[in-house]
Amino acid sequence: MDINIFNFELPEELIAQYPLSHRDECKLLSINKKEKTYKDETFKDIVKYFKKGDVLVRNNTKVIPARLYGIKLETNAHVEVLLLKNIKQDIWECLCGNSKVIKVGTKISFGNGLLLGECIERKDEGIRLIKFSYDGIFLEILEQIGLMPLPPYIKKQVENNNDYQTIYAKVSGSAAAPTAGFHFTEELLDKLKEIGVEIIDITLNIGLGTFRPVKVSDTKDHIMHKEEYEISKNAAERLNLAKKEGRRIIAVGTTSVRSLEANFTKYGIFTPTREETDIFIYPGYKWKVVDCLITNFHLPKSTLLMLVSSFIGDIDYTLSCYKHAVEQRYRFFSFGDAMFIYE
């Protein structure tokens, strides 16, 4: 499948540069994929689409201040490092800017020596394994010297790190936020609970796949990077019961979708696990468990737009929804507006 099929024109001024002060007051495009109709609403209107027994599945990963700026000890050259994944103990897989200067044995000082890193392995595409040494608690040091790993299309750092975090973020380890969850407030979640909606948390730590554009011309040649997800025993049991009873499973964001579909595809039943997935969902995929999807508006020619097109079931109709969003001045990407896709 030619990835140019998934291209669309997006004026740069529609790329949201900051979050709204009231999370649930962003725009919402509600899409009935069966009837091929859509409606312009506000996110807090989404409550009316839920009913008792529905299951809302959300990704409770917590973004760490993963962007570090350091000095190469041998030359005083400036180095940028993005923590992607904790391999073991104090060894991290990192995406490095000006990576050519980072060779095996290169030592880097971060935060005036609060954190020291040494490259122990070189990988392709600017990836390095770095072993860190420090006094104290690693995550506390990151909070002091690290910056939130905002996508490159957001030009200014957030004033408050919590602005790039869902209100239910709990499990630290992600290099990007599951942004579809940004729109939920405590008040909105309370309303869903009052209706009788069951809320289940799973975890997928977002890594390199979020930062890598599709560089091939055909989907069959694209290789998805692996990301670690976890479904607890309690979550698996509740999900299995919901599916057995025919209740709707509503996923908050593409990361929740990938975790749910990968798990059920592999095991044929929701199964407690902590493992990696490289599932790539694009048109032609046979959906197994997700009934409704809450998601933001994604980059042209991205794997996330391919996933949404697959879920809607019609690429042209998906792009017509995007065209409408552009015409109505919706805000796009991480801090942007949302879609609710149902039937």
C-alpha atoms as a PDB file:
ATOM      1  CA  MET A   1       0.000   0.000   0.000  1.00  0.00           C
ATOM      2  CA  ASP A   2       1.498   3.333  -1.116  1.00  0.00           C
ATOM      3  CA  ILE A   3       1.974   5.545   1.968  1.00  0.00           C
ATOM      4  CA  ASN A   4       1.215   8.636  -0.128  1.00  0.00           C
ATOM      5  CA  ILE A   5      -2.424   7.535   0.059  1.00  0.00           C
ATOM      6  CA  PHE A   6      -2.292   8.740   3.677  1.00  0.00           C
ATOM      7  CA  ASN A   7      -1.082  12.248   2.873  1.00  0.00           C
ATOM      8  CA  PHE A   8      -3.071  15.440   3.438  1.00  0.00           C
ATOM      9  CA  GLU A   9      -2.476  19.178   3.464  1.00  0.00           C
ATOM     10  CA  LEU A  10      -2.165  20.743   6.891  1.00  0.00           C
ATOM     11  CA  PRO A  11      -1.563  24.471   7.445  1.00  0.00           C
ATOM     12  CA  GLU A  12       1.266  24.892   9.933  1.00  0.00           C
ATOM     13  CA  GLU A  13      -0.773  27.270  12.084  1.00  0.00           C
ATOM     14  CA  LEU A  14      -3.160  24.405  12.946  1.00  0.00           C
ATOM     15  CA  ILE A  15      -0.400  22.483  14.758  1.00  0.00           C
ATOM     16  CA  ALA A  16      -1.234  23.100  18.427  1.00  0.00           C
ATOM     17  CA  GLN A  17       1.678  24.605  20.340  1.00  0.00           C
ATOM     18  CA  TYR A  18       0.203  24.589  23.841  1.00  0.00           C
ATOM     19  CA  PRO A  19      -2.486  22.753  25.831  1.00  0.00           C
ATOM     20  CA  LEU A  20      -5.871  24.284  26.585  1.00  0.00           C
ATOM     21  CA  SER A  21      -6.363  25.519  30.155  1.00  0.00           C
ATOM     22  CA  HIS A  22      -9.552  23.405  30.391  1.00  0.00           C
ATOM     23  CA  ARG A  23      -8.670  19.995  29.020  1.00  0.00           C
ATOM     24  CA  ASP A  24     -12.207  18.798  28.263  1.00  0.00           C
ATOM     25  CA  GLU A  25     -13.187  21.907  26.291  1.00  0.00           C
ATOM     26  CA  CYS A  26     -11.256  21.051  23.163  1.00  0.00           C
ATOM     27  CA  LYS A  27     -13.131  20.298  19.963  1.00  0.00           C
ATOM     28  CA  LEU A  28     -14.396  16.773  19.353  1.00  0.00           C
ATOM     29  CA  LEU A  29     -15.217  15.285  15.972  1.00  0.00           C
ATOM     30  CA  SER A  30     -17.649  12.437  16.664  1.00  0.00           C
ATOM     31  CA  ILE A  31     -17.571   9.938  13.792  1.00  0.00           C
ATOM     32  CA  ASN A  32     -20.114   7.188  13.183  1.00  0.00           C
ATOM     33  CA  LYS A  33     -18.056   4.883  10.997  1.00  0.00           C
ATOM     34  CA  LYS A  34     -21.000   2.672  10.083  1.00  0.00           C
ATOM     35  CA  GLU A  35     -23.243   5.477   8.835  1.00  0.00           C
ATOM     36  CA  LYS A  36     -20.303   7.614   7.647  1.00  0.00           C
ATOM     37  CA  THR A  37     -21.500  10.717   9.428  1.00  0.00           C
ATOM     38  CA  TYR A  38     -19.690  13.089  11.730  1.00  0.00           C
ATOM     39  CA  LYS A  39     -20.565  15.901  14.108  1.00  0.00           C
ATOM     40  CA  ASP A  40     -18.638  18.848  15.569  1.00  0.00           C
ATOM     41  CA  GLU A  41     -18.845  18.839  19.355  1.00  0.00           C
ATOM     42  CA  THR A  42     -16.858  19.603  22.502  1.00  0.00           C
ATOM     43  CA  PHE A  43     -14.903  16.841  24.216  1.00  0.00           C
ATOM     44  CA  LYS A  44     -16.989  16.891  27.387  1.00  0.00           C
ATOM     45  CA  ASP A  45     -20.001  16.028  25.176  1.00  0.00           C
ATOM     46  CA  ILE A  46     -18.475  12.563  24.777  1.00  0.00           C
ATOM     47  CA  VAL A  47     -20.270  11.410  27.951  1.00  0.00           C
ATOM     48  CA  LYS A  48     -23.538  11.037  26.027  1.00  0.00           C
ATOM     49  CA  TYR A  49     -22.010   8.306  23.845  1.00  0.00           C
ATOM     50  CA  PHE A  50     -21.295   6.038  26.816  1.00  0.00           C
ATOM     51  CA  LYS A  51     -23.666   3.610  28.494  1.00  0.00           C
ATOM     52  CA  LYS A  52     -23.622   1.401  31.562  1.00  0.00           C
ATOM     53  CA  GLY A  53     -21.251  -1.541  31.196  1.00  0.00           C
ATOM     54  CA  ASP A  54     -18.921   0.122  28.688  1.00  0.00           C
ATOM     55  CA  VAL A  55     -15.231  -0.412  29.387  1.00  0.00           C
ATOM     56  CA  LEU A  56     -12.841   2.524  28.990  1.00  0.00           C
ATOM     57  CA  VAL A  57      -9.246   1.351  28.571  1.00  0.00           C
ATOM     58  CA  ARG A  58      -6.538   3.939  29.096  1.00  0.00           C
ATOM     59  CA  ASN A  59      -2.743   3.941  29.084  1.00  0.00           C
ATOM     60  CA  ASN A  60      -1.444   5.026  32.509  1.00  0.00           C
ATOM     61  CA  THR A  61       2.171   5.453  31.442  1.00  0.00           C
ATOM     62  CA  LYS A  62       3.961   8.479  32.890  1.00  0.00           C
ATOM     63  CA  VAL A  63       6.340  10.546  30.804  1.00  0.00           C
ATOM     64  CA  ILE A  64       9.764  11.062  32.329  1.00  0.00           C
ATOM     65  CA  PRO A  65      11.797  14.266  31.698  1.00  0.00           C
ATOM     66  CA  ALA A  66      13.734  12.257  29.136  1.00  0.00           C
ATOM     67  CA  ARG A  67      15.474  14.992  27.115  1.00  0.00           C
ATOM     68  CA  LEU A  68      18.957  15.684  28.444  1.00  0.00           C
ATOM     69  CA  TYR A  69      21.549  18.201  27.315  1.00  0.00           C
ATOM     70  CA  GLY A  70      25.119  17.396  28.209  1.00  0.00           C
ATOM     71  CA  ILE A  71      28.774  18.065  27.544  1.00  0.00           C
ATOM     72  CA  LYS A  72      31.131  15.521  25.996  1.00  0.00           C
ATOM     73  CA  LEU A  73      33.984  15.353  28.498  1.00  0.00           C
ATOM     74  CA  GLU A  74      36.776  14.866  25.956  1.00  0.00           C
ATOM     75  CA  THR A  75      35.929  17.876  23.777  1.00  0.00           C
ATOM     76  CA  ASN A  76      33.263  19.949  25.594  1.00  0.00           C
ATOM     77  CA  ALA A  77      30.992  19.398  22.589  1.00  0.00           C
ATOM     78  CA  HIS A  78      27.291  19.829  23.293  1.00  0.00           C
ATOM     79  CA  VAL A  79      25.282  16.607  23.175  1.00  0.00           C
ATOM     80  CA  GLU A  80      21.514  15.992  23.188  1.00  0.00           C
ATOM     81  CA  VAL A  81      20.226  12.645  24.450  1.00  0.00           C
ATOM     82  CA  LEU A  82      16.669  11.343  24.565  1.00  0.00           C
ATOM     83  CA  LEU A  83      16.059   8.426  26.928  1.00  0.00           C
ATOM     84  CA  LEU A  84      13.915   5.831  25.157  1.00  0.00           C
ATOM     85  CA  LYS A  85      13.959   2.637  27.165  1.00  0.00           C
ATOM     86  CA  ASN A  86      15.522   1.297  30.335  1.00  0.00           C
ATOM     87  CA  ILE A  87      17.338  -1.860  29.250  1.00  0.00           C
ATOM     88  CA  LYS A  88      18.547  -2.960  32.674  1.00  0.00           C
ATOM     89  CA  GLN A  89      19.642  -1.241  35.882  1.00  0.00           C
ATOM     90  CA  ASP A  90      21.284   2.042  34.772  1.00  0.00           C
ATOM     91  CA  ILE A  91      21.622   1.195  31.078  1.00  0.00           C
ATOM     92  CA  TRP A  92      19.290   3.070  28.729  1.00  0.00           C
ATOM     93  CA  GLU A  93      18.594   2.940  25.025  1.00  0.00           C
ATOM     94  CA  CYS A  94      18.926   6.544  23.862  1.00  0.00           C
ATOM     95  CA  LEU A  95      18.298   8.517  20.701  1.00  0.00           C
ATOM     96  CA  CYS A  96      21.193  10.916  20.259  1.00  0.00           C
ATOM     97  CA  GLY A  97      21.450  14.170  18.372  1.00  0.00           C
ATOM     98  CA  ASN A  98      24.807  14.668  16.569  1.00  0.00           C
ATOM     99  CA  SER A  99      25.254  10.962  17.244  1.00  0.00           C
ATOM    100  CA  LYS A 100      28.430  10.676  15.148  1.00  0.00           C
ATOM    101  CA  VAL A 101      30.415  12.222  18.000  1.00  0.00           C
ATOM    102  CA  ILE A 102      29.139   9.602  20.446  1.00  0.00           C
ATOM    103  CA  LYS A 103      31.297   6.501  20.118  1.00  0.00           C
ATOM    104  CA  VAL A 104      31.806   3.553  22.433  1.00  0.00           C
ATOM    105  CA  GLY A 105      33.679   4.917  25.435  1.00  0.00           C
ATOM    106  CA  THR A 106      32.434   8.491  25.016  1.00  0.00           C
ATOM    107  CA  LYS A 107      31.681  10.053  28.401  1.00  0.00           C
ATOM    108  CA  ILE A 108      29.072  12.779  28.868  1.00  0.00           C
ATOM    109  CA  SER A 109      28.318  15.046  31.812  1.00  0.00           C
ATOM    110  CA  PHE A 110      24.733  16.161  32.404  1.00  0.00           C
ATOM    111  CA  GLY A 111      23.561  18.812  34.862  1.00  0.00           C
ATOM    112  CA  ASN A 112      27.095  19.928  35.806  1.00  0.00           C
ATOM    113  CA  GLY A 113      28.035  16.414  36.829  1.00  0.00           C
ATOM    114  CA  LEU A 114      24.843  15.389  38.608  1.00  0.00           C
ATOM    115  CA  LEU A 115      24.585  12.635  36.013  1.00  0.00           C
ATOM    116  CA  LEU A 116      27.376  10.967  34.059  1.00  0.00           C
ATOM    117  CA  GLY A 117      26.871   8.762  31.026  1.00  0.00           C
ATOM    118  CA  GLU A 118      29.166   6.451  29.079  1.00  0.00           C
ATOM    119  CA  CYS A 119      28.343   5.004  25.672  1.00  0.00           C
ATOM    120  CA  ILE A 120      28.730   1.230  25.794  1.00  0.00           C
ATOM    121  CA  GLU A 121      27.215   0.260  22.437  1.00  0.00           C
ATOM    122  CA  ARG A 122      26.446   1.908  19.077  1.00  0.00           C
ATOM    123  CA  LYS A 123      23.314   1.017  17.121  1.00  0.00           C
ATOM    124  CA  ASP A 124      21.825   2.258  13.859  1.00  0.00           C
ATOM    125  CA  GLU A 125      19.765   5.424  13.332  1.00  0.00           C
ATOM    126  CA  GLY A 126      21.401   7.449  16.087  1.00  0.00           C
ATOM    127  CA  ILE A 127      20.664   4.907  18.820  1.00  0.00           C
ATOM    128  CA  ARG A 128      23.206   4.352  21.584  1.00  0.00           C
ATOM    129  CA  LEU A 129      23.236   2.330  24.783  1.00  0.00           C
ATOM    130  CA  ILE A 130      24.401   4.573  27.611  1.00  0.00           C
ATOM    131  CA  LYS A 131      25.277   3.515  31.129  1.00  0.00           C
ATOM    132  CA  PHE A 132      24.607   6.190  33.743  1.00  0.00           C
ATOM    133  CA  SER A 133      26.263   6.787  37.096  1.00  0.00           C
ATOM    134  CA  TYR A 134      25.028   9.167  39.791  1.00  0.00           C
ATOM    135  CA  ASP A 135      24.470   9.678  43.505  1.00  0.00           C
ATOM    136  CA  GLY A 136      20.879   9.475  44.693  1.00  0.00           C
ATOM    137  CA  ILE A 137      17.699   8.446  42.865  1.00  0.00           C
ATOM    138  CA  PHE A 138      17.770   8.478  39.061  1.00  0.00           C
ATOM    139  CA  LEU A 139      14.212   9.747  38.495  1.00  0.00           C
ATOM    140  CA  GLU A 140      14.696  12.529  41.044  1.00  0.00           C
ATOM    141  CA  ILE A 141      17.817  13.669  39.196  1.00  0.00           C
ATOM    142  CA  LEU A 142      15.875  13.636  35.911  1.00  0.00           C
ATOM    143  CA  GLU A 143      13.252  15.869  37.495  1.00  0.00           C
ATOM    144  CA  GLN A 144      16.029  18.361  38.300  1.00  0.00           C
ATOM    145  CA  ILE A 145      17.918  18.422  34.992  1.00  0.00           C
ATOM    146  CA  GLY A 146      15.733  16.802  32.328  1.00  0.00           C
ATOM    147  CA  LEU A 147      13.185  18.371  30.008  1.00  0.00           C
ATOM    148  CA  MET A 148       9.914  16.874  28.829  1.00  0.00           C
ATOM    149  CA  PRO A 149      10.446  15.120  25.472  1.00  0.00           C
ATOM    150  CA  LEU A 150       8.053  17.210  23.415  1.00  0.00           C
ATOM    151  CA  PRO A 151       7.701  16.311  19.733  1.00  0.00           C
ATOM    152  CA  PRO A 152       9.798  18.444  17.347  1.00  0.00           C
ATOM    153  CA  TYR A 153       6.747  20.250  15.953  1.00  0.00           C
ATOM    154  CA  ILE A 154       6.145  21.869  19.380  1.00  0.00           C
ATOM    155  CA  LYS A 155       8.540  24.793  19.459  1.00  0.00           C
ATOM    156  CA  LYS A 156       8.444  25.797  23.119  1.00  0.00           C
ATOM    157  CA  GLN A 157       8.877  23.812  26.320  1.00  0.00           C
ATOM    158  CA  VAL A 158       5.861  23.555  28.609  1.00  0.00           C
ATOM    159  CA  GLU A 159       5.972  25.731  31.724  1.00  0.00           C
ATOM    160  CA  ASN A 160       4.598  22.913  33.859  1.00  0.00           C
ATOM    161  CA  ASN A 161       5.661  19.313  33.206  1.00  0.00           C
ATOM    162  CA  ASN A 162       2.149  18.149  34.109  1.00  0.00           C
ATOM    163  CA  ASP A 163       0.859  19.899  30.976  1.00  0.00           C
ATOM    164  CA  TYR A 164       2.459  17.056  28.992  1.00  0.00           C
ATOM    165  CA  GLN A 165       0.971  14.344  31.176  1.00  0.00           C
ATOM    166  CA  THR A 166      -2.439  12.715  31.522  1.00  0.00           C
ATOM    167  CA  ILE A 167      -4.107  13.304  34.890  1.00  0.00           C
ATOM    168  CA  TYR A 168      -4.015   9.538  35.522  1.00  0.00           C
ATOM    169  CA  ALA A 169      -0.330   9.016  34.620  1.00  0.00           C
ATOM    170  CA  LYS A 170       1.137   6.585  37.113  1.00  0.00           C
ATOM    171  CA  VAL A 171       3.823   4.227  35.749  1.00  0.00           C
ATOM    172  CA  SER A 172       7.052   6.096  34.911  1.00  0.00           C
ATOM    173  CA  GLY A 173       9.030   5.144  31.825  1.00  0.00           C
ATOM    174  CA  SER A 174       7.584   6.725  28.695  1.00  0.00           C
ATOM    175  CA  ALA A 175       9.451   8.910  26.187  1.00  0.00           C
ATOM    176  CA  ALA A 176       6.204  10.480  24.938  1.00  0.00           C
ATOM    177  CA  ALA A 177       2.701  11.018  26.241  1.00  0.00           C
ATOM    178  CA  PRO A 178      -0.421   9.058  25.230  1.00  0.00           C
ATOM    179  CA  THR A 179      -1.963  12.320  24.086  1.00  0.00           C
ATOM    180  CA  ALA A 180      -5.546  11.150  23.506  1.00  0.00           C
ATOM    181  CA  GLY A 181      -5.802  10.996  27.281  1.00  0.00           C
ATOM    182  CA  PHE A 182      -4.986  14.691  27.712  1.00  0.00           C
ATOM    183  CA  HIS A 183      -8.663  15.625  27.344  1.00  0.00           C
ATOM    184  CA  PHE A 184      -9.900  13.809  30.440  1.00  0.00           C
ATOM    185  CA  THR A 185     -10.540  15.645  33.706  1.00  0.00           C
ATOM    186  CA  GLU A 186     -11.436  14.208  37.097  1.00  0.00           C
ATOM    187  CA  GLU A 187     -14.932  15.630  36.693  1.00  0.00           C
ATOM    188  CA  LEU A 188     -15.399  13.938  33.328  1.00  0.00           C
ATOM    189  CA  LEU A 189     -14.147  10.597  34.631  1.00  0.00           C
ATOM    190  CA  ASP A 190     -16.497  10.877  37.618  1.00  0.00           C
ATOM    191  CA  LYS A 191     -19.432  11.377  35.246  1.00  0.00           C
ATOM    192  CA  LEU A 192     -18.472   8.222  33.337  1.00  0.00           C
ATOM    193  CA  LYS A 193     -18.272   6.250  36.601  1.00  0.00           C
ATOM    194  CA  GLU A 194     -21.719   7.519  37.606  1.00  0.00           C
ATOM    195  CA  ILE A 195     -23.119   6.152  34.338  1.00  0.00           C
ATOM    196  CA  GLY A 196     -21.599   2.765  35.156  1.00  0.00           C
ATOM    197  CA  VAL A 197     -18.570   2.847  32.870  1.00  0.00           C
ATOM    198  CA  GLU A 198     -15.765   0.539  33.977  1.00  0.00           C
ATOM    199  CA  ILE A 199     -12.284   2.056  33.738  1.00  0.00           C
ATOM    200  CA  ILE A 200      -9.296  -0.241  33.213  1.00  0.00           C
ATOM    201  CA  ASP A 201      -5.653   0.845  33.168  1.00  0.00           C
ATOM    202  CA  ILE A 202      -2.963  -0.826  31.111  1.00  0.00           C
ATOM    203  CA  THR A 203       0.551   0.422  30.391  1.00  0.00           C
ATOM    204  CA  LEU A 204       2.512   0.941  27.198  1.00  0.00           C
ATOM    205  CA  ASN A 205       5.758   2.874  27.472  1.00  0.00           C
ATOM    206  CA  ILE A 206       5.995   4.899  24.289  1.00  0.00           C
ATOM    207  CA  GLY A 207       9.394   4.751  22.615  1.00  0.00           C
ATOM    208  CA  LEU A 208      11.174   5.205  19.313  1.00  0.00           C
ATOM    209  CA  GLY A 209       8.210   4.398  17.086  1.00  0.00           C
ATOM    210  CA  THR A 210       6.623   7.712  18.032  1.00  0.00           C
ATOM    211  CA  PHE A 211       9.619   9.675  16.785  1.00  0.00           C
ATOM    212  CA  ARG A 212      10.338   7.834  13.566  1.00  0.00           C
ATOM    213  CA  PRO A 213       8.524   8.842  10.351  1.00  0.00           C
ATOM    214  CA  VAL A 214       7.705   6.206   7.757  1.00  0.00           C
ATOM    215  CA  LYS A 215      10.661   6.313   5.360  1.00  0.00           C
ATOM    216  CA  VAL A 216       9.546   3.687   2.858  1.00  0.00           C
ATOM    217  CA  SER A 217       7.078   4.098   0.012  1.00  0.00           C
ATOM    218  CA  ASP A 218       5.120   0.911   0.708  1.00  0.00           C
ATOM    219  CA  THR A 219       3.578  -0.160   4.018  1.00  0.00           C
ATOM    220  CA  LYS A 220       4.845  -3.718   3.577  1.00  0.00           C
ATOM    221  CA  ASP A 221       8.422  -2.450   3.873  1.00  0.00           C
ATOM    222  CA  HIS A 222       7.925  -0.492   7.101  1.00  0.00           C
ATOM    223  CA  ILE A 223       9.349  -2.038  10.265  1.00  0.00           C
ATOM    224  CA  MET A 224       7.672  -1.000  13.505  1.00  0.00           C
ATOM    225  CA  HIS A 225       9.931  -0.543  16.494  1.00  0.00           C
ATOM    226  CA  LYS A 226       9.101  -2.574  19.566  1.00  0.00           C
ATOM    227  CA  GLU A 227       7.476  -0.998  22.607  1.00  0.00           C
ATOM    228  CA  GLU A 228       6.874  -2.618  25.977  1.00  0.00           C
ATOM    229  CA  TYR A 229       3.349  -2.979  27.301  1.00  0.00           C
ATOM    230  CA  GLU A 230       1.858  -4.536  30.423  1.00  0.00           C
ATOM    231  CA  ILE A 231      -1.581  -5.954  31.186  1.00  0.00           C
ATOM    232  CA  SER A 232      -2.105  -7.022  34.790  1.00  0.00           C
ATOM    233  CA  LYS A 233      -3.962 -10.151  35.904  1.00  0.00           C
ATOM    234  CA  ASN A 234      -6.812  -8.032  37.216  1.00  0.00           C
ATOM    235  CA  ALA A 235      -7.080  -6.046  33.973  1.00  0.00           C
ATOM    236  CA  ALA A 236      -7.017  -9.210  31.843  1.00  0.00           C
ATOM    237  CA  GLU A 237      -9.782 -10.846  33.905  1.00  0.00           C
ATOM    238  CA  ARG A 238     -11.996  -7.766  33.685  1.00  0.00           C
ATOM    239  CA  LEU A 239     -11.415  -7.404  29.941  1.00  0.00           C
ATOM    240  CA  ASN A 240     -12.215 -11.063  29.323  1.00  0.00           C
ATOM    241  CA  LEU A 241     -15.439 -10.769  31.301  1.00  0.00           C
ATOM    242  CA  ALA A 242     -16.448  -7.647  29.358  1.00  0.00           C
ATOM    243  CA  LYS A 243     -15.804  -9.378  26.030  1.00  0.00           C
ATOM    244  CA  LYS A 244     -17.690 -12.500  27.142  1.00  0.00           C
ATOM    245  CA  GLU A 245     -20.658 -10.334  28.116  1.00  0.00           C
ATOM    246  CA  GLY A 246     -20.569  -8.429  24.826  1.00  0.00           C
ATOM    247  CA  ARG A 247     -19.821  -5.076  26.425  1.00  0.00           C
ATOM    248  CA  ARG A 248     -18.067  -2.385  24.399  1.00  0.00           C
ATOM    249  CA  ILE A 249     -14.321  -1.875  24.790  1.00  0.00           C
ATOM    250  CA  ILE A 250     -13.459   1.787  24.207  1.00  0.00           C
ATOM    251  CA  ALA A 251      -9.756   2.527  23.803  1.00  0.00           C
ATOM    252  CA  VAL A 252      -8.215   5.851  24.763  1.00  0.00           C
ATOM    253  CA  GLY A 253      -5.522   6.382  22.151  1.00  0.00           C
ATOM    254  CA  THR A 254      -3.594   4.295  19.690  1.00  0.00           C
ATOM    255  CA  THR A 255      -1.221   2.977  22.362  1.00  0.00           C
ATOM    256  CA  SER A 256      -4.126   1.352  24.195  1.00  0.00           C
ATOM    257  CA  VAL A 257      -5.330  -0.044  20.872  1.00  0.00           C
ATOM    258  CA  ARG A 258      -1.951  -1.571  20.054  1.00  0.00           C
ATOM    259  CA  SER A 259      -1.644  -3.178  23.497  1.00  0.00           C
ATOM    260  CA  LEU A 260      -5.155  -4.679  23.409  1.00  0.00           C
ATOM    261  CA  GLU A 261      -5.042  -5.917  19.844  1.00  0.00           C
ATOM    262  CA  ALA A 262      -1.491  -7.278  20.147  1.00  0.00           C
ATOM    263  CA  ASN A 263      -2.315  -9.193  23.308  1.00  0.00           C
ATOM    264  CA  PHE A 264      -5.554 -10.724  22.036  1.00  0.00           C
ATOM    265  CA  THR A 265      -4.055 -11.517  18.624  1.00  0.00           C
ATOM    266  CA  LYS A 266      -1.170 -13.418  20.217  1.00  0.00           C
ATOM    267  CA  TYR A 267      -3.067 -15.340  22.900  1.00  0.00           C
ATOM    268  CA  GLY A 268      -6.687 -15.486  21.665  1.00  0.00           C
ATOM    269  CA  ILE A 269      -7.777 -14.235  25.081  1.00  0.00           C
ATOM    270  CA  PHE A 270      -6.647 -11.313  27.223  1.00  0.00           C
ATOM    271  CA  THR A 271      -3.592 -12.601  29.064  1.00  0.00           C
ATOM    272  CA  PRO A 272      -1.534 -11.005  31.853  1.00  0.00           C
ATOM    273  CA  THR A 273       1.885 -10.158  30.482  1.00  0.00           C
ATOM    274  CA  ARG A 274       4.701  -7.686  30.324  1.00  0.00           C
ATOM    275  CA  GLU A 275       6.322  -7.929  26.935  1.00  0.00           C
ATOM    276  CA  GLU A 276       7.138  -6.051  23.745  1.00  0.00           C
ATOM    277  CA  THR A 277       4.966  -5.566  20.690  1.00  0.00           C
ATOM    278  CA  ASP A 278       5.724  -4.338  17.205  1.00  0.00           C
ATOM    279  CA  ILE A 279       2.160  -4.717  15.908  1.00  0.00           C
ATOM    280  CA  PHE A 280       1.529  -2.586  12.803  1.00  0.00           C
ATOM    281  CA  ILE A 281      -2.144  -1.885  12.157  1.00  0.00           C
ATOM    282  CA  TYR A 282      -3.145  -0.514   8.769  1.00  0.00           C
ATOM    283  CA  PRO A 283      -6.081  -1.012   6.356  1.00  0.00           C
ATOM    284  CA  GLY A 284      -6.795  -4.697   5.869  1.00  0.00           C
ATOM    285  CA  TYR A 285      -6.176  -5.542   9.523  1.00  0.00           C
ATOM    286  CA  LYS A 286      -8.909  -7.707  11.097  1.00  0.00           C
ATOM    287  CA  TRP A 287     -10.017  -5.978  14.302  1.00  0.00           C
ATOM    288  CA  LYS A 288     -10.584  -8.274  17.257  1.00  0.00           C
ATOM    289  CA  VAL A 289     -11.463  -6.384  20.431  1.00  0.00           C
ATOM    290  CA  VAL A 290     -11.636  -2.580  20.188  1.00  0.00           C
ATOM    291  CA  ASP A 291     -15.151  -1.285  19.539  1.00  0.00           C
ATOM    292  CA  CYS A 292     -14.653   2.494  19.836  1.00  0.00           C
ATOM    293  CA  LEU A 293     -11.614   4.742  19.684  1.00  0.00           C
ATOM    294  CA  ILE A 294     -10.736   8.111  21.193  1.00  0.00           C
ATOM    295  CA  THR A 295      -7.758   9.646  19.416  1.00  0.00           C
ATOM    296  CA  ASN A 296      -6.150  12.911  18.355  1.00  0.00           C
ATOM    297  CA  PHE A 297      -5.454  14.044  14.789  1.00  0.00           C
ATOM    298  CA  HIS A 298      -2.216  12.539  13.505  1.00  0.00           C
ATOM    299  CA  LEU A 299       0.678  13.369  11.204  1.00  0.00           C
ATOM    300  CA  PRO A 300       0.318  12.868   7.433  1.00  0.00           C
ATOM    301  CA  LYS A 301       1.620   9.501   6.219  1.00  0.00           C
ATOM    302  CA  SER A 302       2.083   8.285   9.813  1.00  0.00           C
ATOM    303  CA  THR A 303       1.465   4.784  11.154  1.00  0.00           C
ATOM    304  CA  LEU A 304      -1.097   6.304  13.532  1.00  0.00           C
ATOM    305  CA  LEU A 305      -3.146   7.732  10.666  1.00  0.00           C
ATOM    306  CA  MET A 306      -2.963   4.298   9.016  1.00  0.00           C
ATOM    307  CA  LEU A 307      -4.323   2.723  12.213  1.00  0.00           C
ATOM    308  CA  VAL A 308      -7.204   5.204  12.354  1.00  0.00           C
ATOM    309  CA  SER A 309      -7.979   4.621   8.666  1.00  0.00           C
ATOM    310  CA  SER A 310      -8.083   0.896   9.343  1.00  0.00           C
ATOM    311  CA  PHE A 311     -10.450   1.378  12.281  1.00  0.00           C
ATOM    312  CA  ILE A 312     -12.810   3.639  10.343  1.00  0.00           C
ATOM    313  CA  GLY A 313     -12.657   1.134   7.498  1.00  0.00           C
ATOM    314  CA  ASP A 314     -12.399   3.621   4.624  1.00  0.00           C
ATOM    315  CA  ILE A 315      -9.256   5.585   3.788  1.00  0.00           C
ATOM    316  CA  ASP A 316     -11.051   8.160   1.641  1.00  0.00           C
ATOM    317  CA  TYR A 317     -13.661   8.783   4.305  1.00  0.00           C
ATOM    318  CA  THR A 318     -10.957   9.124   6.948  1.00  0.00           C
ATOM    319  CA  LEU A 319      -9.222  11.769   4.857  1.00  0.00           C
ATOM    320  CA  SER A 320     -12.527  13.554   4.262  1.00  0.00           C
ATOM    321  CA  CYS A 321     -12.935  13.775   8.058  1.00  0.00           C
ATOM    322  CA  TYR A 322      -9.443  15.244   8.272  1.00  0.00           C
ATOM    323  CA  LYS A 323     -10.279  17.706   5.485  1.00  0.00           C
ATOM    324  CA  HIS A 324     -13.340  18.801   7.450  1.00  0.00           C
ATOM    325  CA  ALA A 325     -11.203  19.238  10.572  1.00  0.00           C
ATOM    326  CA  VAL A 326      -8.792  21.456   8.648  1.00  0.00           C
ATOM    327  CA  GLU A 327     -11.650  23.542   7.240  1.00  0.00           C
ATOM    328  CA  GLN A 328     -13.146  23.945  10.726  1.00  0.00           C
ATOM    329  CA  ARG A 329      -9.775  24.968  12.176  1.00  0.00           C
ATOM    330  CA  TYR A 330      -9.355  22.032  14.503  1.00  0.00           C
ATOM    331  CA  ARG A 331      -6.051  21.961  16.403  1.00  0.00           C
ATOM    332  CA  PHE A 332      -3.780  19.077  15.375  1.00  0.00           C
ATOM    333  CA  PHE A 333      -1.339  16.644  16.995  1.00  0.00           C
ATOM    334  CA  SER A 334      -0.264  16.267  20.657  1.00  0.00           C
ATOM    335  CA  PHE A 335      -1.916  19.336  22.196  1.00  0.00           C
ATOM    336  CA  GLY A 336      -4.712  19.349  19.641  1.00  0.00           C
ATOM    337  CA  ASP A 337      -8.344  18.317  19.431  1.00  0.00           C
ATOM    338  CA  ALA A 338      -9.870  14.839  19.428  1.00  0.00           C
ATOM    339  CA  MET A 339     -11.927  12.291  17.512  1.00  0.00           C
ATOM    340  CA  PHE A 340     -14.391   9.780  18.894  1.00  0.00           C
ATOM    341  CA  ILE A 341     -14.968   6.916  16.454  1.00  0.00           C
ATOM    342  CA  TYR A 342     -17.880   4.558  17.054  1.00  0.00           C
ATOM    343  CA  GLU A 343     -20.705   2.740  15.283  1.00  0.00           C
END
